[in-house]
Amino acid sequence: MGREPYAAASGELLAWAEAHPGRCAASWHSLSNIIYITRGDSRGFLRDLLEFVEVPRTGGEHMIAALDLNFRDIEDAMQAVAAMLFGAQIIVTRNTRDYLHSPIKAITPSQALAILRKY
């Protein structure tokens, strides 16, 4: 979506994810947020994304788990629960501050790339 200063690193991460299908996930509600932010002009992007990115299945019990995390922003708690369901080792976000109490560590796209470049 071209959001600076994260656009270049995010693009590289997407390329990595495409080259490693099934190794990355996005939460269900994040996909709707992409549609909202782009005013609906991202359906093709999402179709392509779903070729290599997983969407963890969630339900009511997972929403309760998100509520129990007591995050200030419920969307961030939902992200954390989706990441746990996927078995993620990290959450990649430009908003690491809101994940200080997350059960899964949150890092920026640039930090994620630095880790991936080591392997």
PDB file of N, CA and C in Angstrom:
ATOM      1  N   MET A   1       0.824  -1.196   0.000  1.00  0.00           N
ATOM      2  CA  MET A   1       0.000   0.000   0.000  1.00  0.00           C
ATOM      3  C   MET A   1       0.865   1.256   0.000  1.00  0.00           C
ATOM      4  N   GLY A   2       2.174   1.067  -0.014  1.00  0.00           N
ATOM      5  CA  GLY A   2       3.056   2.206  -0.152  1.00  0.00           C
ATOM      6  C   GLY A   2       3.202   3.072   1.083  1.00  0.00           C
ATOM      7  N   ARG A   3       2.895   2.559   2.252  1.00  0.00           N
ATOM      8  CA  ARG A   3       3.005   3.357   3.470  1.00  0.00           C
ATOM      9  C   ARG A   3       4.471   3.467   3.887  1.00  0.00           C
ATOM     10  N   GLU A   4       4.982   4.692   3.862  1.00  0.00           N
ATOM     11  CA  GLU A   4       6.374   4.940   4.232  1.00  0.00           C
ATOM     12  C   GLU A   4       6.483   5.113   5.753  1.00  0.00           C
ATOM     13  N   PRO A   5       7.571   4.776   6.338  1.00  0.00           N
ATOM     14  CA  PRO A   5       8.825   4.341   5.741  1.00  0.00           C
ATOM     15  C   PRO A   5       8.939   2.826   5.615  1.00  0.00           C
ATOM     16  N   TYR A   6       7.837   2.127   5.587  1.00  0.00           N
ATOM     17  CA  TYR A   6       7.842   0.661   5.627  1.00  0.00           C
ATOM     18  C   TYR A   6       7.645  -0.001   4.270  1.00  0.00           C
ATOM     19  N   ALA A   7       7.378   0.766   3.242  1.00  0.00           N
ATOM     20  CA  ALA A   7       6.977   0.197   1.949  1.00  0.00           C
ATOM     21  C   ALA A   7       8.031  -0.736   1.352  1.00  0.00           C
ATOM     22  N   ALA A   8       9.274  -0.315   1.318  1.00  0.00           N
ATOM     23  CA  ALA A   8      10.308  -1.141   0.682  1.00  0.00           C
ATOM     24  C   ALA A   8      10.490  -2.461   1.432  1.00  0.00           C
ATOM     25  N   ALA A   9      10.609  -2.388   2.750  1.00  0.00           N
ATOM     26  CA  ALA A   9      10.795  -3.611   3.540  1.00  0.00           C
ATOM     27  C   ALA A   9       9.569  -4.511   3.432  1.00  0.00           C
ATOM     28  N   SER A  10       8.389  -3.927   3.451  1.00  0.00           N
ATOM     29  CA  SER A  10       7.165  -4.730   3.335  1.00  0.00           C
ATOM     30  C   SER A  10       7.097  -5.432   1.985  1.00  0.00           C
ATOM     31  N   GLY A  11       7.508  -4.734   0.931  1.00  0.00           N
ATOM     32  CA  GLY A  11       7.541  -5.350  -0.387  1.00  0.00           C
ATOM     33  C   GLY A  11       8.503  -6.525  -0.441  1.00  0.00           C
ATOM     34  N   GLU A  12       9.659  -6.380   0.189  1.00  0.00           N
ATOM     35  CA  GLU A  12      10.625  -7.478   0.240  1.00  0.00           C
ATOM     36  C   GLU A  12      10.069  -8.662   1.031  1.00  0.00           C
ATOM     37  N   LEU A  13       9.360  -8.363   2.108  1.00  0.00           N
ATOM     38  CA  LEU A  13       8.756  -9.442   2.901  1.00  0.00           C
ATOM     39  C   LEU A  13       7.690 -10.173   2.104  1.00  0.00           C
ATOM     40  N   LEU A  14       6.900  -9.445   1.345  1.00  0.00           N
ATOM     41  CA  LEU A  14       5.894 -10.092   0.503  1.00  0.00           C
ATOM     42  C   LEU A  14       6.557 -10.992  -0.534  1.00  0.00           C
ATOM     43  N   ALA A  15       7.646 -10.530  -1.098  1.00  0.00           N
ATOM     44  CA  ALA A  15       8.376 -11.359  -2.072  1.00  0.00           C
ATOM     45  C   ALA A  15       8.900 -12.622  -1.399  1.00  0.00           C
ATOM     46  N   TRP A  16       9.420 -12.499  -0.180  1.00  0.00           N
ATOM     47  CA  TRP A  16       9.899 -13.665   0.563  1.00  0.00           C
ATOM     48  C   TRP A  16       8.739 -14.625   0.825  1.00  0.00           C
ATOM     49  N   ALA A  17       7.610 -14.088   1.268  1.00  0.00           N
ATOM     50  CA  ALA A  17       6.444 -14.930   1.556  1.00  0.00           C
ATOM     51  C   ALA A  17       5.971 -15.662   0.303  1.00  0.00           C
ATOM     52  N   GLU A  18       5.988 -14.985  -0.822  1.00  0.00           N
ATOM     53  CA  GLU A  18       5.567 -15.624  -2.075  1.00  0.00           C
ATOM     54  C   GLU A  18       6.515 -16.765  -2.445  1.00  0.00           C
ATOM     55  N   ALA A  19       7.784 -16.589  -2.147  1.00  0.00           N
ATOM     56  CA  ALA A  19       8.768 -17.634  -2.446  1.00  0.00           C
ATOM     57  C   ALA A  19       8.727 -18.779  -1.430  1.00  0.00           C
ATOM     58  N   HIS A  20       8.032 -18.578  -0.327  1.00  0.00           N
ATOM     59  CA  HIS A  20       7.917 -19.580   0.747  1.00  0.00           C
ATOM     60  C   HIS A  20       6.447 -19.749   1.139  1.00  0.00           C
ATOM     61  N   PRO A  21       5.621 -20.293   0.244  1.00  0.00           N
ATOM     62  CA  PRO A  21       4.181 -20.411   0.509  1.00  0.00           C
ATOM     63  C   PRO A  21       3.893 -21.143   1.829  1.00  0.00           C
ATOM     64  N   GLY A  22       2.903 -20.622   2.548  1.00  0.00           N
ATOM     65  CA  GLY A  22       2.463 -21.258   3.786  1.00  0.00           C
ATOM     66  C   GLY A  22       3.282 -20.906   5.004  1.00  0.00           C
ATOM     67  N   ARG A  23       4.327 -20.101   4.859  1.00  0.00           N
ATOM     68  CA  ARG A  23       5.186 -19.740   5.989  1.00  0.00           C
ATOM     69  C   ARG A  23       4.728 -18.463   6.679  1.00  0.00           C
ATOM     70  N   CYS A  24       3.788 -17.749   6.069  1.00  0.00           N
ATOM     71  CA  CYS A  24       3.275 -16.487   6.611  1.00  0.00           C
ATOM     72  C   CYS A  24       1.752 -16.542   6.669  1.00  0.00           C
ATOM     73  N   ALA A  25       1.221 -15.726   7.551  1.00  0.00           N
ATOM     74  CA  ALA A  25      -0.232 -15.684   7.712  1.00  0.00           C
ATOM     75  C   ALA A  25      -0.703 -14.241   7.867  1.00  0.00           C
ATOM     76  N   ALA A  26      -1.960 -14.042   7.597  1.00  0.00           N
ATOM     77  CA  ALA A  26      -2.629 -12.762   7.848  1.00  0.00           C
ATOM     78  C   ALA A  26      -3.960 -13.077   8.499  1.00  0.00           C
ATOM     79  N   SER A  27      -4.346 -12.268   9.445  1.00  0.00           N
ATOM     80  CA  SER A  27      -5.632 -12.518  10.099  1.00  0.00           C
ATOM     81  C   SER A  27      -6.782 -12.106   9.179  1.00  0.00           C
ATOM     82  N   TRP A  28      -7.905 -12.729   9.396  1.00  0.00           N
ATOM     83  CA  TRP A  28      -9.111 -12.475   8.606  1.00  0.00           C
ATOM     84  C   TRP A  28      -9.451 -10.987   8.581  1.00  0.00           C
ATOM     85  N   HIS A  29      -9.446 -10.365   9.748  1.00  0.00           N
ATOM     86  CA  HIS A  29      -9.846  -8.960   9.801  1.00  0.00           C
ATOM     87  C   HIS A  29      -8.809  -8.036   9.160  1.00  0.00           C
ATOM     88  N   SER A  30      -7.565  -8.463   9.077  1.00  0.00           N
ATOM     89  CA  SER A  30      -6.560  -7.647   8.386  1.00  0.00           C
ATOM     90  C   SER A  30      -6.887  -7.536   6.901  1.00  0.00           C
ATOM     91  N   LEU A  31      -7.419  -8.605   6.345  1.00  0.00           N
ATOM     92  CA  LEU A  31      -7.777  -8.578   4.926  1.00  0.00           C
ATOM     93  C   LEU A  31      -8.890  -7.575   4.663  1.00  0.00           C
ATOM     94  N   SER A  32      -9.858  -7.512   5.556  1.00  0.00           N
ATOM     95  CA  SER A  32     -10.929  -6.524   5.377  1.00  0.00           C
ATOM     96  C   SER A  32     -10.392  -5.112   5.586  1.00  0.00           C
ATOM     97  N   ASN A  33      -9.408  -4.954   6.476  1.00  0.00           N
ATOM     98  CA  ASN A  33      -8.798  -3.635   6.668  1.00  0.00           C
ATOM     99  C   ASN A  33      -8.087  -3.173   5.399  1.00  0.00           C
ATOM    100  N   ILE A  34      -7.461  -4.089   4.681  1.00  0.00           N
ATOM    101  CA  ILE A  34      -6.802  -3.732   3.424  1.00  0.00           C
ATOM    102  C   ILE A  34      -7.839  -3.212   2.428  1.00  0.00           C
ATOM    103  N   ILE A  35      -8.963  -3.900   2.326  1.00  0.00           N
ATOM    104  CA  ILE A  35     -10.044  -3.451   1.438  1.00  0.00           C
ATOM    105  C   ILE A  35     -10.523  -2.058   1.848  1.00  0.00           C
ATOM    106  N   TYR A  36     -10.696  -1.856   3.153  1.00  0.00           N
ATOM    107  CA  TYR A  36     -11.173  -0.570   3.656  1.00  0.00           C
ATOM    108  C   TYR A  36     -10.178   0.549   3.343  1.00  0.00           C
ATOM    109  N   ILE A  37      -8.905   0.323   3.636  1.00  0.00           N
ATOM    110  CA  ILE A  37      -7.886   1.350   3.441  1.00  0.00           C
ATOM    111  C   ILE A  37      -7.727   1.713   1.969  1.00  0.00           C
ATOM    112  N   THR A  38      -7.857   0.722   1.090  1.00  0.00           N
ATOM    113  CA  THR A  38      -7.680   0.974  -0.343  1.00  0.00           C
ATOM    114  C   THR A  38      -8.993   1.320  -1.040  1.00  0.00           C
ATOM    115  N   ARG A  39     -10.039   1.481  -0.277  1.00  0.00           N
ATOM    116  CA  ARG A  39     -11.368   1.813  -0.810  1.00  0.00           C
ATOM    117  C   ARG A  39     -11.848   0.772  -1.823  1.00  0.00           C
ATOM    118  N   GLY A  40     -11.530  -0.484  -1.534  1.00  0.00           N
ATOM    119  CA  GLY A  40     -12.000  -1.591  -2.357  1.00  0.00           C
ATOM    120  C   GLY A  40     -11.147  -1.888  -3.571  1.00  0.00           C
ATOM    121  N   ASP A  41     -10.054  -1.164  -3.738  1.00  0.00           N
ATOM    122  CA  ASP A  41      -9.226  -1.314  -4.925  1.00  0.00           C
ATOM    123  C   ASP A  41      -8.089  -2.309  -4.716  1.00  0.00           C
ATOM    124  N   SER A  42      -8.364  -3.390  -3.989  1.00  0.00           N
ATOM    125  CA  SER A  42      -7.284  -4.333  -3.696  1.00  0.00           C
ATOM    126  C   SER A  42      -7.734  -5.787  -3.804  1.00  0.00           C
ATOM    127  N   ARG A  43      -8.836  -6.014  -4.425  1.00  0.00           N
ATOM    128  CA  ARG A  43      -9.329  -7.392  -4.532  1.00  0.00           C
ATOM    129  C   ARG A  43      -8.360  -8.290  -5.295  1.00  0.00           C
ATOM    130  N   GLY A  44      -7.792  -7.797  -6.348  1.00  0.00           N
ATOM    131  CA  GLY A  44      -6.810  -8.584  -7.100  1.00  0.00           C
ATOM    132  C   GLY A  44      -5.576  -8.873  -6.266  1.00  0.00           C
ATOM    133  N   PHE A  45      -5.112  -7.871  -5.534  1.00  0.00           N
ATOM    134  CA  PHE A  45      -3.968  -8.059  -4.644  1.00  0.00           C
ATOM    135  C   PHE A  45      -4.270  -9.150  -3.620  1.00  0.00           C
ATOM    136  N   LEU A  46      -5.456  -9.109  -3.019  1.00  0.00           N
ATOM    137  CA  LEU A  46      -5.806 -10.105  -2.009  1.00  0.00           C
ATOM    138  C   LEU A  46      -5.899 -11.504  -2.604  1.00  0.00           C
ATOM    139  N   ARG A  47      -6.454 -11.620  -3.794  1.00  0.00           N
ATOM    140  CA  ARG A  47      -6.505 -12.940  -4.452  1.00  0.00           C
ATOM    141  C   ARG A  47      -5.104 -13.497  -4.648  1.00  0.00           C
ATOM    142  N   ASP A  48      -4.198 -12.638  -5.092  1.00  0.00           N
ATOM    143  CA  ASP A  48      -2.803 -13.072  -5.279  1.00  0.00           C
ATOM    144  C   ASP A  48      -2.168 -13.420  -3.937  1.00  0.00           C
ATOM    145  N   LEU A  49      -2.379 -12.594  -2.930  1.00  0.00           N
ATOM    146  CA  LEU A  49      -1.814 -12.812  -1.606  1.00  0.00           C
ATOM    147  C   LEU A  49      -2.232 -14.157  -1.027  1.00  0.00           C
ATOM    148  N   LEU A  50      -3.489 -14.508  -1.221  1.00  0.00           N
ATOM    149  CA  LEU A  50      -4.015 -15.743  -0.646  1.00  0.00           C
ATOM    150  C   LEU A  50      -3.496 -16.996  -1.341  1.00  0.00           C
ATOM    151  N   GLU A  51      -2.735 -16.832  -2.413  1.00  0.00           N
ATOM    152  CA  GLU A  51      -2.073 -17.961  -3.050  1.00  0.00           C
ATOM    153  C   GLU A  51      -0.918 -18.481  -2.199  1.00  0.00           C
ATOM    154  N   PHE A  52      -0.354 -17.618  -1.328  1.00  0.00           N
ATOM    155  CA  PHE A  52       0.823 -18.023  -0.557  1.00  0.00           C
ATOM    156  C   PHE A  52       0.775 -17.654   0.925  1.00  0.00           C
ATOM    157  N   VAL A  53      -0.220 -16.904   1.355  1.00  0.00           N
ATOM    158  CA  VAL A  53      -0.362 -16.526   2.761  1.00  0.00           C
ATOM    159  C   VAL A  53      -1.569 -17.243   3.357  1.00  0.00           C
ATOM    160  N   GLU A  54      -1.391 -17.816   4.525  1.00  0.00           N
ATOM    161  CA  GLU A  54      -2.463 -18.539   5.215  1.00  0.00           C
ATOM    162  C   GLU A  54      -3.357 -17.568   5.999  1.00  0.00           C
ATOM    163  N   VAL A  55      -4.596 -17.964   6.233  1.00  0.00           N
ATOM    164  CA  VAL A  55      -5.514 -17.219   7.090  1.00  0.00           C
ATOM    165  C   VAL A  55      -5.978 -18.181   8.182  1.00  0.00           C
ATOM    166  N   PRO A  56      -5.494 -17.990   9.415  1.00  0.00           N
ATOM    167  CA  PRO A  56      -5.904 -18.905  10.493  1.00  0.00           C
ATOM    168  C   PRO A  56      -7.414 -18.857  10.722  1.00  0.00           C
ATOM    169  N   ARG A  57      -7.986 -20.035  10.949  1.00  0.00           N
ATOM    170  CA  ARG A  57      -9.420 -20.113  11.232  1.00  0.00           C
ATOM    171  C   ARG A  57      -9.669 -19.677  12.670  1.00  0.00           C
ATOM    172  N   THR A  58     -10.620 -18.794  12.826  1.00  0.00           N
ATOM    173  CA  THR A  58     -10.949 -18.289  14.154  1.00  0.00           C
ATOM    174  C   THR A  58     -12.438 -18.418  14.404  1.00  0.00           C
ATOM    175  N   GLY A  59     -12.801 -18.344  15.660  1.00  0.00           N
ATOM    176  CA  GLY A  59     -14.201 -18.419  16.054  1.00  0.00           C
ATOM    177  C   GLY A  59     -14.427 -17.651  17.340  1.00  0.00           C
ATOM    178  N   GLY A  60     -15.587 -17.822  17.886  1.00  0.00           N
ATOM    179  CA  GLY A  60     -15.966 -17.103  19.091  1.00  0.00           C
ATOM    180  C   GLY A  60     -15.006 -17.298  20.249  1.00  0.00           C
ATOM    181  N   GLU A  61     -14.541 -18.530  20.431  1.00  0.00           N
ATOM    182  CA  GLU A  61     -13.620 -18.793  21.542  1.00  0.00           C
ATOM    183  C   GLU A  61     -12.304 -18.036  21.356  1.00  0.00           C
ATOM    184  N   HIS A  62     -11.931 -17.790  20.109  1.00  0.00           N
ATOM    185  CA  HIS A  62     -10.705 -17.048  19.852  1.00  0.00           C
ATOM    186  C   HIS A  62     -10.906 -15.561  20.107  1.00  0.00           C
ATOM    187  N   MET A  63     -12.108 -15.071  19.847  1.00  0.00           N
ATOM    188  CA  MET A  63     -12.409 -13.678  20.163  1.00  0.00           C
ATOM    189  C   MET A  63     -12.382 -13.483  21.673  1.00  0.00           C
ATOM    190  N   ILE A  64     -12.896 -14.446  22.407  1.00  0.00           N
ATOM    191  CA  ILE A  64     -12.847 -14.363  23.877  1.00  0.00           C
ATOM    192  C   ILE A  64     -11.391 -14.344  24.344  1.00  0.00           C
ATOM    193  N   ALA A  65     -10.555 -15.163  23.718  1.00  0.00           N
ATOM    194  CA  ALA A  65      -9.131 -15.166  24.060  1.00  0.00           C
ATOM    195  C   ALA A  65      -8.514 -13.799  23.786  1.00  0.00           C
ATOM    196  N   ALA A  66      -8.900 -13.165  22.687  1.00  0.00           N
ATOM    197  CA  ALA A  66      -8.398 -11.826  22.371  1.00  0.00           C
ATOM    198  C   ALA A  66      -8.855 -10.818  23.421  1.00  0.00           C
ATOM    199  N   LEU A  67     -10.104 -10.922  23.828  1.00  0.00           N
ATOM    200  CA  LEU A  67     -10.608 -10.021  24.867  1.00  0.00           C
ATOM    201  C   LEU A  67      -9.850 -10.218  26.173  1.00  0.00           C
ATOM    202  N   ASP A  68      -9.510 -11.462  26.468  1.00  0.00           N
ATOM    203  CA  ASP A  68      -8.794 -11.771  27.705  1.00  0.00           C
ATOM    204  C   ASP A  68      -7.360 -11.273  27.713  1.00  0.00           C
ATOM    205  N   LEU A  69      -6.795 -10.967  26.556  1.00  0.00           N
ATOM    206  CA  LEU A  69      -5.430 -10.446  26.514  1.00  0.00           C
ATOM    207  C   LEU A  69      -5.342  -9.021  27.069  1.00  0.00           C
ATOM    208  N   ASN A  70      -6.468  -8.353  27.145  1.00  0.00           N
ATOM    209  CA  ASN A  70      -6.531  -6.989  27.694  1.00  0.00           C
ATOM    210  C   ASN A  70      -5.627  -5.993  26.976  1.00  0.00           C
ATOM    211  N   PHE A  71      -5.522  -6.138  25.658  1.00  0.00           N
ATOM    212  CA  PHE A  71      -4.808  -5.140  24.861  1.00  0.00           C
ATOM    213  C   PHE A  71      -5.657  -3.870  24.831  1.00  0.00           C
ATOM    214  N   ARG A  72      -5.009  -2.737  24.680  1.00  0.00           N
ATOM    215  CA  ARG A  72      -5.741  -1.480  24.534  1.00  0.00           C
ATOM    216  C   ARG A  72      -6.561  -1.485  23.240  1.00  0.00           C
ATOM    217  N   ASP A  73      -5.984  -2.029  22.161  1.00  0.00           N
ATOM    218  CA  ASP A  73      -6.641  -2.076  20.851  1.00  0.00           C
ATOM    219  C   ASP A  73      -7.041  -3.523  20.571  1.00  0.00           C
ATOM    220  N   ILE A  74      -8.324  -3.784  20.469  1.00  0.00           N
ATOM    221  CA  ILE A  74      -8.814  -5.152  20.285  1.00  0.00           C
ATOM    222  C   ILE A  74      -8.312  -5.752  18.968  1.00  0.00           C
ATOM    223  N   GLU A  75      -8.131  -4.927  17.945  1.00  0.00           N
ATOM    224  CA  GLU A  75      -7.619  -5.468  16.680  1.00  0.00           C
ATOM    225  C   GLU A  75      -6.218  -6.053  16.856  1.00  0.00           C
ATOM    226  N   ASP A  76      -5.411  -5.415  17.683  1.00  0.00           N
ATOM    227  CA  ASP A  76      -4.066  -5.950  17.937  1.00  0.00           C
ATOM    228  C   ASP A  76      -4.153  -7.271  18.700  1.00  0.00           C
ATOM    229  N   ALA A  77      -5.072  -7.362  19.627  1.00  0.00           N
ATOM    230  CA  ALA A  77      -5.268  -8.619  20.361  1.00  0.00           C
ATOM    231  C   ALA A  77      -5.735  -9.715  19.407  1.00  0.00           C
ATOM    232  N   MET A  78      -6.606  -9.375  18.471  1.00  0.00           N
ATOM    233  CA  MET A  78      -7.063 -10.342  17.480  1.00  0.00           C
ATOM    234  C   MET A  78      -5.898 -10.814  16.618  1.00  0.00           C
ATOM    235  N   GLN A  79      -4.989  -9.896  16.279  1.00  0.00           N
ATOM    236  CA  GLN A  79      -3.796 -10.266  15.520  1.00  0.00           C
ATOM    237  C   GLN A  79      -2.960 -11.267  16.308  1.00  0.00           C
ATOM    238  N   ALA A  80      -2.773 -10.991  17.598  1.00  0.00           N
ATOM    239  CA  ALA A  80      -1.950 -11.863  18.437  1.00  0.00           C
ATOM    240  C   ALA A  80      -2.552 -13.265  18.521  1.00  0.00           C
ATOM    241  N   VAL A  81      -3.850 -13.352  18.687  1.00  0.00           N
ATOM    242  CA  VAL A  81      -4.504 -14.664  18.769  1.00  0.00           C
ATOM    243  C   VAL A  81      -4.393 -15.394  17.435  1.00  0.00           C
ATOM    244  N   ALA A  82      -4.594 -14.695  16.327  1.00  0.00           N
ATOM    245  CA  ALA A  82      -4.449 -15.330  15.011  1.00  0.00           C
ATOM    246  C   ALA A  82      -3.021 -15.834  14.825  1.00  0.00           C
ATOM    247  N   ALA A  83      -2.054 -15.050  15.279  1.00  0.00           N
ATOM    248  CA  ALA A  83      -0.651 -15.477  15.173  1.00  0.00           C
ATOM    249  C   ALA A  83      -0.410 -16.729  16.013  1.00  0.00           C
ATOM    250  N   MET A  84      -0.992 -16.792  17.191  1.00  0.00           N
ATOM    251  CA  MET A  84      -0.848 -17.975  18.039  1.00  0.00           C
ATOM    252  C   MET A  84      -1.458 -19.191  17.355  1.00  0.00           C
ATOM    253  N   LEU A  85      -2.624 -19.037  16.742  1.00  0.00           N
ATOM    254  CA  LEU A  85      -3.282 -20.149  16.053  1.00  0.00           C
ATOM    255  C   LEU A  85      -2.440 -20.652  14.885  1.00  0.00           C
ATOM    256  N   PHE A  86      -1.759 -19.752  14.224  1.00  0.00           N
ATOM    257  CA  PHE A  86      -0.904 -20.119  13.095  1.00  0.00           C
ATOM    258  C   PHE A  86       0.389 -20.775  13.570  1.00  0.00           C
ATOM    259  N   GLY A  87       0.756 -20.524  14.817  1.00  0.00           N
ATOM    260  CA  GLY A  87       2.033 -21.015  15.328  1.00  0.00           C
ATOM    261  C   GLY A  87       3.180 -20.092  14.951  1.00  0.00           C
ATOM    262  N   ALA A  88       2.868 -18.816  14.807  1.00  0.00           N
ATOM    263  CA  ALA A  88       3.871 -17.831  14.395  1.00  0.00           C
ATOM    264  C   ALA A  88       4.947 -17.656  15.460  1.00  0.00           C
ATOM    265  N   GLN A  89       6.130 -17.368  14.997  1.00  0.00           N
ATOM    266  CA  GLN A  89       7.241 -17.046  15.896  1.00  0.00           C
ATOM    267  C   GLN A  89       7.320 -15.552  16.158  1.00  0.00           C
ATOM    268  N   ILE A  90       6.859 -14.756  15.193  1.00  0.00           N
ATOM    269  CA  ILE A  90       6.862 -13.300  15.321  1.00  0.00           C
ATOM    270  C   ILE A  90       5.614 -12.726  14.662  1.00  0.00           C
ATOM    271  N   ILE A  91       5.293 -11.512  15.052  1.00  0.00           N
ATOM    272  CA  ILE A  91       4.275 -10.711  14.382  1.00  0.00           C
ATOM    273  C   ILE A  91       5.030  -9.562  13.720  1.00  0.00           C
ATOM    274  N   VAL A  92       4.798  -9.352  12.436  1.00  0.00           N
ATOM    275  CA  VAL A  92       5.442  -8.252  11.729  1.00  0.00           C
ATOM    276  C   VAL A  92       4.421  -7.133  11.582  1.00  0.00           C
ATOM    277  N   THR A  93       4.775  -5.970  12.121  1.00  0.00           N
ATOM    278  CA  THR A  93       3.864  -4.823  12.127  1.00  0.00           C
ATOM    279  C   THR A  93       4.669  -3.537  12.226  1.00  0.00           C
ATOM    280  N   ARG A  94       4.096  -2.456  11.744  1.00  0.00           N
ATOM    281  CA  ARG A  94       4.745  -1.167  11.935  1.00  0.00           C
ATOM    282  C   ARG A  94       4.382  -0.601  13.298  1.00  0.00           C
ATOM    283  N   ASN A  95       3.502  -1.272  14.006  1.00  0.00           N
ATOM    284  CA  ASN A  95       2.943  -0.798  15.267  1.00  0.00           C
ATOM    285  C   ASN A  95       3.413  -1.673  16.435  1.00  0.00           C
ATOM    286  N   THR A  96       4.703  -1.787  16.638  1.00  0.00           N
ATOM    287  CA  THR A  96       5.218  -2.695  17.673  1.00  0.00           C
ATOM    288  C   THR A  96       4.868  -2.231  19.090  1.00  0.00           C
ATOM    289  N   ARG A  97       4.697  -0.954  19.272  1.00  0.00           N
ATOM    290  CA  ARG A  97       4.426  -0.409  20.611  1.00  0.00           C
ATOM    291  C   ARG A  97       3.180  -1.030  21.248  1.00  0.00           C
ATOM    292  N   ASP A  98       2.169  -1.295  20.444  1.00  0.00           N
ATOM    293  CA  ASP A  98       0.926  -1.844  20.990  1.00  0.00           C
ATOM    294  C   ASP A  98       1.002  -3.339  21.269  1.00  0.00           C
ATOM    295  N   TYR A  99       2.147  -3.963  21.004  1.00  0.00           N
ATOM    296  CA  TYR A  99       2.313  -5.398  21.225  1.00  0.00           C
ATOM    297  C   TYR A  99       3.308  -5.704  22.344  1.00  0.00           C
ATOM    298  N   LEU A 100       3.556  -4.739  23.202  1.00  0.00           N
ATOM    299  CA  LEU A 100       4.544  -4.942  24.264  1.00  0.00           C
ATOM    300  C   LEU A 100       4.190  -6.105  25.180  1.00  0.00           C
ATOM    301  N   HIS A 101       2.909  -6.382  25.355  1.00  0.00           N
ATOM    302  CA  HIS A 101       2.465  -7.471  26.238  1.00  0.00           C
ATOM    303  C   HIS A 101       1.930  -8.669  25.460  1.00  0.00           C
ATOM    304  N   SER A 102       2.275  -8.725  24.186  1.00  0.00           N
ATOM    305  CA  SER A 102       1.810  -9.811  23.329  1.00  0.00           C
ATOM    306  C   SER A 102       2.517 -11.119  23.680  1.00  0.00           C
ATOM    307  N   PRO A 103       1.797 -12.242  23.603  1.00  0.00           N
ATOM    308  CA  PRO A 103       2.444 -13.537  23.819  1.00  0.00           C
ATOM    309  C   PRO A 103       3.433 -13.892  22.700  1.00  0.00           C
ATOM    310  N   ILE A 104       3.331 -13.198  21.577  1.00  0.00           N
ATOM    311  CA  ILE A 104       4.259 -13.368  20.456  1.00  0.00           C
ATOM    312  C   ILE A 104       4.904 -12.012  20.182  1.00  0.00           C
ATOM    313  N   LYS A 105       6.218 -11.995  20.120  1.00  0.00           N
ATOM    314  CA  LYS A 105       6.953 -10.751  19.926  1.00  0.00           C
ATOM    315  C   LYS A 105       6.605 -10.113  18.588  1.00  0.00           C
ATOM    316  N   ALA A 106       6.435  -8.792  18.597  1.00  0.00           N
ATOM    317  CA  ALA A 106       6.166  -8.029  17.383  1.00  0.00           C
ATOM    318  C   ALA A 106       7.416  -7.256  16.987  1.00  0.00           C
ATOM    319  N   ILE A 107       7.742  -7.294  15.695  1.00  0.00           N
ATOM    320  CA  ILE A 107       8.893  -6.575  15.160  1.00  0.00           C
ATOM    321  C   ILE A 107       8.480  -5.849  13.886  1.00  0.00           C
ATOM    322  N   THR A 108       9.303  -4.891  13.480  1.00  0.00           N
ATOM    323  CA  THR A 108       9.011  -4.129  12.268  1.00  0.00           C
ATOM    324  C   THR A 108       9.391  -4.933  11.023  1.00  0.00           C
ATOM    325  N   PRO A 109       8.890  -4.519   9.869  1.00  0.00           N
ATOM    326  CA  PRO A 109       9.283  -5.204   8.640  1.00  0.00           C
ATOM    327  C   PRO A 109      10.801  -5.217   8.433  1.00  0.00           C
ATOM    328  N   SER A 110      11.487  -4.129   8.736  1.00  0.00           N
ATOM    329  CA  SER A 110      12.949  -4.089   8.578  1.00  0.00           C
ATOM    330  C   SER A 110      13.639  -5.077   9.506  1.00  0.00           C
ATOM    331  N   GLN A 111      13.157  -5.193  10.734  1.00  0.00           N
ATOM    332  CA  GLN A 111      13.732  -6.162  11.665  1.00  0.00           C
ATOM    333  C   GLN A 111      13.509  -7.586  11.172  1.00  0.00           C
ATOM    334  N   ALA A 112      12.329  -7.855  10.617  1.00  0.00           N
ATOM    335  CA  ALA A 112      12.044  -9.191  10.083  1.00  0.00           C
ATOM    336  C   ALA A 112      12.980  -9.516   8.925  1.00  0.00           C
ATOM    337  N   LEU A 113      13.216  -8.559   8.050  1.00  0.00           N
ATOM    338  CA  LEU A 113      14.131  -8.787   6.936  1.00  0.00           C
ATOM    339  C   LEU A 113      15.553  -9.064   7.426  1.00  0.00           C
ATOM    340  N   ALA A 114      15.972  -8.358   8.453  1.00  0.00           N
ATOM    341  CA  ALA A 114      17.313  -8.586   8.998  1.00  0.00           C
ATOM    342  C   ALA A 114      17.450 -10.023   9.490  1.00  0.00           C
ATOM    343  N   ILE A 115      16.405 -10.551  10.107  1.00  0.00           N
ATOM    344  CA  ILE A 115      16.414 -11.934  10.585  1.00  0.00           C
ATOM    345  C   ILE A 115      16.464 -12.901   9.397  1.00  0.00           C
ATOM    346  N   LEU A 116      15.617 -12.658   8.405  1.00  0.00           N
ATOM    347  CA  LEU A 116      15.551 -13.557   7.242  1.00  0.00           C
ATOM    348  C   LEU A 116      16.847 -13.571   6.453  1.00  0.00           C
ATOM    349  N   ARG A 117      17.527 -12.456   6.414  1.00  0.00           N
ATOM    350  CA  ARG A 117      18.786 -12.379   5.648  1.00  0.00           C
ATOM    351  C   ARG A 117      19.885 -13.215   6.280  1.00  0.00           C
ATOM    352  N   LYS A 118      19.745 -13.566   7.547  1.00  0.00           N
ATOM    353  CA  LYS A 118      20.742 -14.388   8.218  1.00  0.00           C
ATOM    354  C   LYS A 118      20.648 -15.842   7.779  1.00  0.00           C
ATOM    355  N   TYR A 119      19.518 -16.231   7.182  1.00  0.00           N
ATOM    356  CA  TYR A 119      19.300 -17.646   6.831  1.00  0.00           C
ATOM    357  C   TYR A 119      19.335 -17.880   5.361  1.00  0.00           C
TER     358      TYR A 119
END
